[in-house]
PDB file of N, CA and C in Angstrom:
ATOM      1  N   UNK A   1      11.726  35.059   4.717  1.00  0.00           N
ATOM      2  CA  UNK A   1      12.696  34.182   5.097  1.00  0.00           C
ATOM      3  C   UNK A   1      14.142  35.257   4.951  1.00  0.00           C
ATOM      4  N   UNK A   2      14.230  35.662   3.327  1.00  0.00           N
ATOM      5  CA  UNK A   2      15.155  36.537   2.961  1.00  0.00           C
ATOM      6  C   UNK A   2      15.730  37.657   3.976  1.00  0.00           C
ATOM      7  N   UNK A   3      14.998  38.326   4.174  1.00  0.00           N
ATOM      8  CA  UNK A   3      14.653  39.397   4.876  1.00  0.00           C
ATOM      9  C   UNK A   3      15.302  38.991   5.872  1.00  0.00           C
ATOM     10  N   UNK A   4      15.414  37.906   7.211  1.00  0.00           N
ATOM     11  CA  UNK A   4      15.547  37.317   8.494  1.00  0.00           C
ATOM     12  C   UNK A   4      17.344  36.675   7.974  1.00  0.00           C
ATOM     13  N   UNK A   5      17.353  36.418   6.984  1.00  0.00           N
ATOM     14  CA  UNK A   5      18.829  35.900   6.994  1.00  0.00           C
ATOM     15  C   UNK A   5      19.423  37.062   6.435  1.00  0.00           C
ATOM     16  N   UNK A   6      18.907  38.119   6.283  1.00  0.00           N
ATOM     17  CA  UNK A   6      19.730  39.090   6.113  1.00  0.00           C
ATOM     18  C   UNK A   6      20.452  40.001   7.306  1.00  0.00           C
ATOM     19  N   UNK A   7      19.029  40.117   7.879  1.00  0.00           N
ATOM     20  CA  UNK A   7      19.203  40.592   9.574  1.00  0.00           C
ATOM     21  C   UNK A   7      20.168  39.648  10.172  1.00  0.00           C
ATOM     22  N   UNK A   8      20.082  38.350   9.993  1.00  0.00           N
ATOM     23  CA  UNK A   8      20.757  37.687  10.923  1.00  0.00           C
ATOM     24  C   UNK A   8      22.329  37.635  10.066  1.00  0.00           C
ATOM     25  N   UNK A   9      22.611  37.881   9.002  1.00  0.00           N
ATOM     26  CA  UNK A   9      23.769  38.295   8.456  1.00  0.00           C
ATOM     27  C   UNK A   9      24.432  39.618   8.875  1.00  0.00           C
ATOM     28  N   UNK A  10      23.716  40.520   9.011  1.00  0.00           N
ATOM     29  CA  UNK A  10      24.335  41.769   9.459  1.00  0.00           C
ATOM     30  C   UNK A  10      24.384  41.581  10.729  1.00  0.00           C
ATOM     31  N   UNK A  11      23.862  40.972  11.462  1.00  0.00           N
ATOM     32  CA  UNK A  11      23.945  40.626  13.078  1.00  0.00           C
ATOM     33  C   UNK A  11      25.140  40.066  13.305  1.00  0.00           C
ATOM     34  N   UNK A  12      25.550  38.973  12.447  1.00  0.00           N
ATOM     35  CA  UNK A  12      26.643  38.358  12.639  1.00  0.00           C
ATOM     36  C   UNK A  12      28.290  38.934  12.395  1.00  0.00           C
ATOM     37  N   UNK A  13      27.606  40.051  10.754  1.00  0.00           N
ATOM     38  CA  UNK A  13      28.959  40.449  10.202  1.00  0.00           C
ATOM     39  C   UNK A  13      29.048  41.775  11.991  1.00  0.00           C
ATOM     40  N   UNK A  14      28.452  42.566  11.989  1.00  0.00           N
ATOM     41  CA  UNK A  14      28.211  43.403  13.479  1.00  0.00           C
ATOM     42  C   UNK A  14      28.974  42.411  14.718  1.00  0.00           C
ATOM     43  N   UNK A  15      28.430  41.600  14.908  1.00  0.00           N
ATOM     44  CA  UNK A  15      29.403  41.012  16.286  1.00  0.00           C
ATOM     45  C   UNK A  15      30.378  40.628  15.902  1.00  0.00           C
ATOM     46  N   UNK A  16      31.251  39.970  14.710  1.00  0.00           N
ATOM     47  CA  UNK A  16      32.264  39.818  14.526  1.00  0.00           C
ATOM     48  C   UNK A  16      33.211  41.072  14.321  1.00  0.00           C
ATOM     49  N   UNK A  17      33.033  42.100  13.926  1.00  0.00           N
ATOM     50  CA  UNK A  17      33.764  43.243  13.563  1.00  0.00           C
ATOM     51  C   UNK A  17      33.842  43.984  15.228  1.00  0.00           C
ATOM     52  N   UNK A  18      32.789  43.736  15.802  1.00  0.00           N
ATOM     53  CA  UNK A  18      32.915  44.597  17.346  1.00  0.00           C
ATOM     54  C   UNK A  18      33.892  43.326  17.841  1.00  0.00           C
ATOM     55  N   UNK A  19      34.025  42.131  17.934  1.00  0.00           N
ATOM     56  CA  UNK A  19      34.647  41.660  18.887  1.00  0.00           C
ATOM     57  C   UNK A  19      36.348  41.666  18.404  1.00  0.00           C
ATOM     58  N   UNK A  20      36.633  42.020  17.149  1.00  0.00           N
ATOM     59  CA  UNK A  20      37.717  41.803  16.746  1.00  0.00           C
ATOM     60  C   UNK A  20      39.092  42.627  17.622  1.00  0.00           C
ATOM     61  N   UNK A  21      39.083  43.934  18.271  1.00  0.00           N
ATOM     62  CA  UNK A  21      39.428  44.342  19.216  1.00  0.00           C
ATOM     63  C   UNK A  21      39.923  43.498  20.676  1.00  0.00           C
ATOM     64  N   UNK A  22      38.810  42.863  20.753  1.00  0.00           N
ATOM     65  CA  UNK A  22      38.529  41.825  21.990  1.00  0.00           C
ATOM     66  C   UNK A  22      39.642  40.546  21.850  1.00  0.00           C
ATOM     67  N   UNK A  23      39.395  40.165  20.382  1.00  0.00           N
ATOM     68  CA  UNK A  23      40.196  38.784  20.037  1.00  0.00           C
ATOM     69  C   UNK A  23      42.029  39.207  20.023  1.00  0.00           C
ATOM     70  N   UNK A  24      41.937  40.644  19.269  1.00  0.00           N
ATOM     71  CA  UNK A  24      43.640  40.919  19.404  1.00  0.00           C
ATOM     72  C   UNK A  24      44.026  40.662  20.602  1.00  0.00           C
ATOM     73  N   UNK A  25      43.052  41.424  21.353  1.00  0.00           N
ATOM     74  CA  UNK A  25      43.753  42.012  23.159  1.00  0.00           C
ATOM     75  C   UNK A  25      43.871  40.425  23.995  1.00  0.00           C
ATOM     76  N   UNK A  26      42.719  39.469  23.696  1.00  0.00           N
ATOM     77  CA  UNK A  26      43.110  38.493  24.143  1.00  0.00           C
ATOM     78  C   UNK A  26      43.925  37.092  23.699  1.00  0.00           C
ATOM     79  N   UNK A  27      44.889  37.516  22.943  1.00  0.00           N
ATOM     80  CA  UNK A  27      45.911  36.605  22.346  1.00  0.00           C
ATOM     81  C   UNK A  27      46.924  36.514  23.460  1.00  0.00           C
ATOM     82  N   UNK A  28      47.256  35.260  23.628  1.00  0.00           N
ATOM     83  CA  UNK A  28      48.329  34.989  24.882  1.00  0.00           C
ATOM     84  C   UNK A  28      49.599  35.264  24.304  1.00  0.00           C
ATOM     85  N   UNK A  29      50.308  36.292  25.184  1.00  0.00           N
ATOM     86  CA  UNK A  29      51.694  36.363  24.391  1.00  0.00           C
ATOM     87  C   UNK A  29      52.766  35.443  24.626  1.00  0.00           C
ATOM     88  N   UNK A  30      53.558  35.166  24.035  1.00  0.00           N
ATOM     89  CA  UNK A  30      54.903  34.224  24.570  1.00  0.00           C
ATOM     90  C   UNK A  30      55.663  34.625  24.766  1.00  0.00           C
ATOM     91  N   UNK A  31      55.843  34.729  26.735  1.00  0.00           N
ATOM     92  CA  UNK A  31      57.036  35.378  27.305  1.00  0.00           C
ATOM     93  C   UNK A  31      58.389  34.851  26.507  1.00  0.00           C
ATOM     94  N   UNK A  32      59.478  36.094  27.074  1.00  0.00           N
ATOM     95  CA  UNK A  32      60.399  35.558  26.374  1.00  0.00           C
ATOM     96  C   UNK A  32      61.656  36.162  27.331  1.00  0.00           C
ATOM     97  N   UNK A  33      62.611  35.098  27.743  1.00  0.00           N
ATOM     98  CA  UNK A  33      63.728  35.613  28.567  1.00  0.00           C
ATOM     99  C   UNK A  33      64.534  36.966  28.447  1.00  0.00           C
ATOM    100  N   UNK A  34      64.884  37.648  29.281  1.00  0.00           N
ATOM    101  CA  UNK A  34      65.184  39.106  29.450  1.00  0.00           C
ATOM    102  C   UNK A  34      66.535  38.730  28.325  1.00  0.00           C
ATOM    103  N   UNK A  35      67.195  37.389  28.772  1.00  0.00           N
ATOM    104  CA  UNK A  35      68.829  37.684  28.262  1.00  0.00           C
ATOM    105  C   UNK A  35      68.556  37.364  26.669  1.00  0.00           C
ATOM    106  N   UNK A  36      67.625  36.200  26.308  1.00  0.00           N
ATOM    107  CA  UNK A  36      67.039  36.184  24.775  1.00  0.00           C
ATOM    108  C   UNK A  36      66.872  36.867  24.165  1.00  0.00           C
ATOM    109  N   UNK A  37      66.316  37.997  24.750  1.00  0.00           N
ATOM    110  CA  UNK A  37      66.269  38.969  23.733  1.00  0.00           C
ATOM    111  C   UNK A  37      67.460  39.705  23.298  1.00  0.00           C
ATOM    112  N   UNK A  38      67.673  39.872  24.876  1.00  0.00           N
ATOM    113  CA  UNK A  38      69.594  40.785  24.135  1.00  0.00           C
ATOM    114  C   UNK A  38      70.575  39.984  23.930  1.00  0.00           C
ATOM    115  N   UNK A  39      70.707  38.496  23.783  1.00  0.00           N
ATOM    116  CA  UNK A  39      71.601  38.327  23.218  1.00  0.00           C
ATOM    117  C   UNK A  39      71.139  37.447  22.014  1.00  0.00           C
ATOM    118  N   UNK A  40      69.916  37.309  21.488  1.00  0.00           N
ATOM    119  CA  UNK A  40      69.534  37.252  19.829  1.00  0.00           C
ATOM    120  C   UNK A  40      69.263  38.396  19.093  1.00  0.00           C
ATOM    121  N   UNK A  41      69.784  38.531  18.339  1.00  0.00           N
ATOM    122  CA  UNK A  41      69.407  39.576  17.075  1.00  0.00           C
ATOM    123  C   UNK A  41      68.140  39.257  16.404  1.00  0.00           C
ATOM    124  N   UNK A  42      67.247  40.128  16.262  1.00  0.00           N
ATOM    125  CA  UNK A  42      66.188  40.141  16.044  1.00  0.00           C
ATOM    126  C   UNK A  42      66.188  40.278  14.153  1.00  0.00           C
ATOM    127  N   UNK A  43      65.458  39.039  13.344  1.00  0.00           N
ATOM    128  CA  UNK A  43      65.383  39.253  12.392  1.00  0.00           C
ATOM    129  C   UNK A  43      64.828  40.568  11.519  1.00  0.00           C
ATOM    130  N   UNK A  44      65.136  40.602  10.236  1.00  0.00           N
ATOM    131  CA  UNK A  44      64.987  41.783   9.382  1.00  0.00           C
ATOM    132  C   UNK A  44      63.366  41.296   8.948  1.00  0.00           C
ATOM    133  N   UNK A  45      62.758  40.101   8.800  1.00  0.00           N
ATOM    134  CA  UNK A  45      61.614  40.143   8.464  1.00  0.00           C
ATOM    135  C   UNK A  45      61.197  38.573   7.834  1.00  0.00           C
ATOM    136  N   UNK A  46      60.398  38.231   8.909  1.00  0.00           N
ATOM    137  CA  UNK A  46      60.073  36.893   8.565  1.00  0.00           C
ATOM    138  C   UNK A  46      59.397  36.528   7.112  1.00  0.00           C
ATOM    139  N   UNK A  47      59.936  35.593   7.022  1.00  0.00           N
ATOM    140  CA  UNK A  47      59.824  35.265   5.383  1.00  0.00           C
ATOM    141  C   UNK A  47      58.184  34.222   5.359  1.00  0.00           C
ATOM    142  N   UNK A  48      58.172  33.451   6.208  1.00  0.00           N
ATOM    143  CA  UNK A  48      56.379  33.195   6.530  1.00  0.00           C
ATOM    144  C   UNK A  48      55.645  34.071   7.693  1.00  0.00           C
ATOM    145  N   UNK A  49      54.153  34.909   7.294  1.00  0.00           N
ATOM    146  CA  UNK A  49      53.376  35.173   7.966  1.00  0.00           C
ATOM    147  C   UNK A  49      53.010  34.293   9.237  1.00  0.00           C
ATOM    148  N   UNK A  50      52.913  34.723  10.178  1.00  0.00           N
ATOM    149  CA  UNK A  50      52.210  33.730  11.458  1.00  0.00           C
ATOM    150  C   UNK A  50      51.107  33.689  11.133  1.00  0.00           C
ATOM    151  N   UNK A  51      50.414  32.565  11.673  1.00  0.00           N
ATOM    152  CA  UNK A  51      49.403  32.251  11.488  1.00  0.00           C
ATOM    153  C   UNK A  51      48.392  32.823  12.497  1.00  0.00           C
ATOM    154  N   UNK A  52      46.807  33.573  12.469  1.00  0.00           N
ATOM    155  CA  UNK A  52      46.042  33.806  13.619  1.00  0.00           C
ATOM    156  C   UNK A  52      45.287  32.982  13.201  1.00  0.00           C
ATOM    157  N   UNK A  53      44.367  32.286  13.943  1.00  0.00           N
ATOM    158  CA  UNK A  53      43.375  31.311  13.492  1.00  0.00           C
ATOM    159  C   UNK A  53      42.099  32.302  13.351  1.00  0.00           C
ATOM    160  N   UNK A  54      41.905  32.624  14.778  1.00  0.00           N
ATOM    161  CA  UNK A  54      40.101  33.593  14.927  1.00  0.00           C
ATOM    162  C   UNK A  54      40.393  34.884  14.098  1.00  0.00           C
ATOM    163  N   UNK A  55      41.643  35.550  13.677  1.00  0.00           N
ATOM    164  CA  UNK A  55      41.028  36.467  12.516  1.00  0.00           C
ATOM    165  C   UNK A  55      40.900  35.998  11.286  1.00  0.00           C
ATOM    166  N   UNK A  56      41.421  34.968  10.750  1.00  0.00           N
ATOM    167  CA  UNK A  56      41.634  34.075   9.418  1.00  0.00           C
ATOM    168  C   UNK A  56      39.829  33.758   9.745  1.00  0.00           C
ATOM    169  N   UNK A  57      39.661  33.108  10.872  1.00  0.00           N
ATOM    170  CA  UNK A  57      38.289  31.800  10.811  1.00  0.00           C
ATOM    171  C   UNK A  57      37.086  33.912  10.816  1.00  0.00           C
ATOM    172  N   UNK A  58      37.412  35.053  11.422  1.00  0.00           N
ATOM    173  CA  UNK A  58      36.506  36.204  11.023  1.00  0.00           C
ATOM    174  C   UNK A  58      36.666  36.507   9.614  1.00  0.00           C
ATOM    175  N   UNK A  59      37.752  36.556   8.973  1.00  0.00           N
ATOM    176  CA  UNK A  59      37.577  37.063   7.818  1.00  0.00           C
ATOM    177  C   UNK A  59      36.681  35.707   7.006  1.00  0.00           C
ATOM    178  N   UNK A  60      36.717  34.949   7.053  1.00  0.00           N
ATOM    179  CA  UNK A  60      35.948  33.591   6.298  1.00  0.00           C
ATOM    180  C   UNK A  60      34.505  33.719   6.533  1.00  0.00           C
ATOM    181  N   UNK A  61      34.048  34.193   7.576  1.00  0.00           N
ATOM    182  CA  UNK A  61      32.896  34.682   8.168  1.00  0.00           C
ATOM    183  C   UNK A  61      32.450  36.392   7.512  1.00  0.00           C
ATOM    184  N   UNK A  62      33.195  37.096   7.878  1.00  0.00           N
ATOM    185  CA  UNK A  62      33.187  38.144   6.929  1.00  0.00           C
ATOM    186  C   UNK A  62      32.524  38.387   5.393  1.00  0.00           C
ATOM    187  N   UNK A  63      33.780  37.327   4.945  1.00  0.00           N
ATOM    188  CA  UNK A  63      33.189  36.687   3.409  1.00  0.00           C
ATOM    189  C   UNK A  63      31.953  36.426   2.812  1.00  0.00           C
ATOM    190  N   UNK A  64      31.836  35.385   3.935  1.00  0.00           N
ATOM    191  CA  UNK A  64      30.173  34.806   3.671  1.00  0.00           C
ATOM    192  C   UNK A  64      29.111  35.486   3.840  1.00  0.00           C
ATOM    193  N   UNK A  65      29.222  36.401   5.306  1.00  0.00           N
ATOM    194  CA  UNK A  65      28.245  37.574   5.154  1.00  0.00           C
ATOM    195  C   UNK A  65      28.389  38.347   4.003  1.00  0.00           C
ATOM    196  N   UNK A  66      29.329  38.636   3.430  1.00  0.00           N
ATOM    197  CA  UNK A  66      29.352  39.766   2.365  1.00  0.00           C
ATOM    198  C   UNK A  66      28.523  38.888   0.638  1.00  0.00           C
ATOM    199  N   UNK A  67      28.481  37.749   0.528  1.00  0.00           N
ATOM    200  CA  UNK A  67      28.587  36.924  -0.287  1.00  0.00           C
ATOM    201  C   UNK A  67      26.539  36.726  -0.165  1.00  0.00           C
ATOM    202  N   UNK A  68      26.323  36.436   0.699  1.00  0.00           N
ATOM    203  CA  UNK A  68      25.004  36.595   1.166  1.00  0.00           C
ATOM    204  C   UNK A  68      24.093  37.847   1.323  1.00  0.00           C
ATOM    205  N   UNK A  69      25.166  38.588   1.702  1.00  0.00           N
ATOM    206  CA  UNK A  69      24.350  39.958   1.501  1.00  0.00           C
ATOM    207  C   UNK A  69      24.443  40.151  -0.415  1.00  0.00           C
ATOM    208  N   UNK A  70      25.213  39.980  -1.126  1.00  0.00           N
ATOM    209  CA  UNK A  70      25.345  40.197  -2.369  1.00  0.00           C
ATOM    210  C   UNK A  70      24.462  39.520  -3.078  1.00  0.00           C
ATOM    211  N   UNK A  71      24.225  38.801  -2.730  1.00  0.00           N
ATOM    212  CA  UNK A  71      22.657  37.342  -3.251  1.00  0.00           C
ATOM    213  C   UNK A  71      21.577  37.689  -2.983  1.00  0.00           C
ATOM    214  N   UNK A  72      21.324  39.018  -2.005  1.00  0.00           N
ATOM    215  CA  UNK A  72      19.883  39.011  -1.411  1.00  0.00           C
ATOM    216  C   UNK A  72      18.965  39.670  -2.884  1.00  0.00           C
ATOM    217  N   UNK A  73      17.926  39.326  -2.525  1.00  0.00           N
ATOM    218  CA  UNK A  73      17.193  40.122  -4.139  1.00  0.00           C
ATOM    219  C   UNK A  73      16.668  41.518  -4.036  1.00  0.00           C
ATOM    220  N   UNK A  74      16.713  41.854  -2.874  1.00  0.00           N
ATOM    221  CA  UNK A  74      15.918  43.510  -2.159  1.00  0.00           C
ATOM    222  C   UNK A  74      17.202  44.256  -2.334  1.00  0.00           C
ATOM    223  N   UNK A  75      17.016  45.571  -2.274  1.00  0.00           N
ATOM    224  CA  UNK A  75      17.598  46.543  -1.572  1.00  0.00           C
ATOM    225  C   UNK A  75      17.718  46.813  -0.351  1.00  0.00           C
ATOM    226  N   UNK A  76      16.751  47.123   0.369  1.00  0.00           N
ATOM    227  CA  UNK A  76      16.440  47.214   1.732  1.00  0.00           C
ATOM    228  C   UNK A  76      16.155  48.796   2.032  1.00  0.00           C
ATOM    229  N   UNK A  77      15.923  49.627   0.874  1.00  0.00           N
ATOM    230  CA  UNK A  77      16.361  51.091   1.348  1.00  0.00           C
ATOM    231  C   UNK A  77      17.644  51.129   1.211  1.00  0.00           C
ATOM    232  N   UNK A  78      18.677  51.185   1.313  1.00  0.00           N
ATOM    233  CA  UNK A  78      20.037  50.938   0.852  1.00  0.00           C
ATOM    234  C   UNK A  78      20.451  50.776   1.913  1.00  0.00           C
ATOM    235  N   UNK A  79      20.122  50.077   2.977  1.00  0.00           N
ATOM    236  CA  UNK A  79      20.669  49.438   4.118  1.00  0.00           C
ATOM    237  C   UNK A  79      21.591  47.744   3.215  1.00  0.00           C
ATOM    238  N   UNK A  80      21.570  47.209   2.512  1.00  0.00           N
ATOM    239  CA  UNK A  80      22.166  46.283   2.267  1.00  0.00           C
ATOM    240  C   UNK A  80      23.526  46.657   1.449  1.00  0.00           C
ATOM    241  N   UNK A  81      23.552  47.624   0.902  1.00  0.00           N
ATOM    242  CA  UNK A  81      24.208  48.163  -0.289  1.00  0.00           C
ATOM    243  C   UNK A  81      25.455  48.948   1.306  1.00  0.00           C
ATOM    244  N   UNK A  82      25.057  49.614   2.359  1.00  0.00           N
ATOM    245  CA  UNK A  82      25.673  49.479   3.292  1.00  0.00           C
ATOM    246  C   UNK A  82      26.458  49.389   4.504  1.00  0.00           C
ATOM    247  N   UNK A  83      25.590  47.722   4.751  1.00  0.00           N
ATOM    248  CA  UNK A  83      25.995  46.790   5.138  1.00  0.00           C
ATOM    249  C   UNK A  83      27.300  46.086   4.639  1.00  0.00           C
ATOM    250  N   UNK A  84      27.489  46.211   3.249  1.00  0.00           N
ATOM    251  CA  UNK A  84      28.160  45.433   2.389  1.00  0.00           C
ATOM    252  C   UNK A  84      29.388  46.652   2.441  1.00  0.00           C
ATOM    253  N   UNK A  85      29.453  47.645   2.385  1.00  0.00           N
ATOM    254  CA  UNK A  85      30.432  48.443   2.996  1.00  0.00           C
ATOM    255  C   UNK A  85      31.295  48.452   3.858  1.00  0.00           C
ATOM    256  N   UNK A  86      30.111  48.417   5.236  1.00  0.00           N
ATOM    257  CA  UNK A  86      30.643  47.727   6.561  1.00  0.00           C
ATOM    258  C   UNK A  86      31.172  46.390   6.574  1.00  0.00           C
ATOM    259  N   UNK A  87      30.926  45.722   6.132  1.00  0.00           N
ATOM    260  CA  UNK A  87      31.548  44.176   6.038  1.00  0.00           C
ATOM    261  C   UNK A  87      33.083  44.561   4.714  1.00  0.00           C
ATOM    262  N   UNK A  88      33.181  45.392   4.299  1.00  0.00           N
ATOM    263  CA  UNK A  88      34.574  45.600   3.738  1.00  0.00           C
ATOM    264  C   UNK A  88      35.393  46.136   4.221  1.00  0.00           C
ATOM    265  N   UNK A  89      35.004  47.191   5.232  1.00  0.00           N
ATOM    266  CA  UNK A  89      35.825  47.827   6.353  1.00  0.00           C
ATOM    267  C   UNK A  89      36.213  46.474   7.028  1.00  0.00           C
ATOM    268  N   UNK A  90      35.539  46.164   7.568  1.00  0.00           N
ATOM    269  CA  UNK A  90      35.578  45.069   8.722  1.00  0.00           C
ATOM    270  C   UNK A  90      37.097  44.041   7.830  1.00  0.00           C
ATOM    271  N   UNK A  91      36.396  43.632   6.783  1.00  0.00           N
ATOM    272  CA  UNK A  91      38.127  42.900   6.077  1.00  0.00           C
ATOM    273  C   UNK A  91      39.047  43.243   5.500  1.00  0.00           C
ATOM    274  N   UNK A  92      38.893  44.871   5.394  1.00  0.00           N
ATOM    275  CA  UNK A  92      39.877  45.611   5.568  1.00  0.00           C
ATOM    276  C   UNK A  92      41.338  45.854   6.588  1.00  0.00           C
ATOM    277  N   UNK A  93      40.123  45.786   7.600  1.00  0.00           N
ATOM    278  CA  UNK A  93      40.631  45.683   9.212  1.00  0.00           C
ATOM    279  C   UNK A  93      41.608  44.488   9.557  1.00  0.00           C
ATOM    280  N   UNK A  94      40.712  43.257   9.171  1.00  0.00           N
ATOM    281  CA  UNK A  94      41.322  42.061   9.314  1.00  0.00           C
ATOM    282  C   UNK A  94      42.468  42.030   8.415  1.00  0.00           C
ATOM    283  N   UNK A  95      42.546  42.232   7.479  1.00  0.00           N
ATOM    284  CA  UNK A  95      44.020  42.036   6.451  1.00  0.00           C
ATOM    285  C   UNK A  95      45.037  43.022   7.118  1.00  0.00           C
ATOM    286  N   UNK A  96      44.870  43.631   7.444  1.00  0.00           N
ATOM    287  CA  UNK A  96      45.606  44.889   8.193  1.00  0.00           C
ATOM    288  C   UNK A  96      46.474  43.903   9.686  1.00  0.00           C
ATOM    289  N   UNK A  97      45.843  43.821  10.159  1.00  0.00           N
ATOM    290  CA  UNK A  97      45.713  43.121  11.556  1.00  0.00           C
ATOM    291  C   UNK A  97      47.016  41.694  11.275  1.00  0.00           C
ATOM    292  N   UNK A  98      46.575  41.284  10.047  1.00  0.00           N
ATOM    293  CA  UNK A  98      47.425  40.065  10.005  1.00  0.00           C
ATOM    294  C   UNK A  98      48.699  40.565   9.436  1.00  0.00           C
ATOM    295  N   UNK A  99      48.888  41.771   8.703  1.00  0.00           N
ATOM    296  CA  UNK A  99      50.014  42.207   7.885  1.00  0.00           C
ATOM    297  C   UNK A  99      50.832  42.412   9.263  1.00  0.00           C
ATOM    298  N   UNK A 100      50.158  43.483  10.284  1.00  0.00           N
ATOM    299  CA  UNK A 100      51.271  44.263  11.427  1.00  0.00           C
ATOM    300  C   UNK A 100      51.476  43.010  12.561  1.00  0.00           C
ATOM    301  N   UNK A 101      50.619  41.624  12.180  1.00  0.00           N
ATOM    302  CA  UNK A 101      50.764  40.900  14.005  1.00  0.00           C
ATOM    303  C   UNK A 101      50.434  41.514  14.967  1.00  0.00           C
ATOM    304  N   UNK A 102      51.007  40.260  16.035  1.00  0.00           N
ATOM    305  CA  UNK A 102      50.079  40.863  16.959  1.00  0.00           C
ATOM    306  C   UNK A 102      51.220  41.909  18.234  1.00  0.00           C
TER     307      UNK A 102
END
């Protein structure tokens, strides 16, 4: 049962990490009229970061997957440790995406 849970968690982490580029490109952009972009000065920095619910959800799922992997009783010949490293990399990419924005 535990092995099945780890395999399912790894599968979820891989699917989430693989779908991140699709999620980033699938987000609709708000069109701005050309006159508005020329007339209004751009702010230097936004005081509040924009919300990205899909990326935030992916982060929550990856953190859950990491917790499940860390709680697993067996090492699975080093695959559990490798999976945790991959989840950490996916989390780092998600956090970078939130910093950069769309």
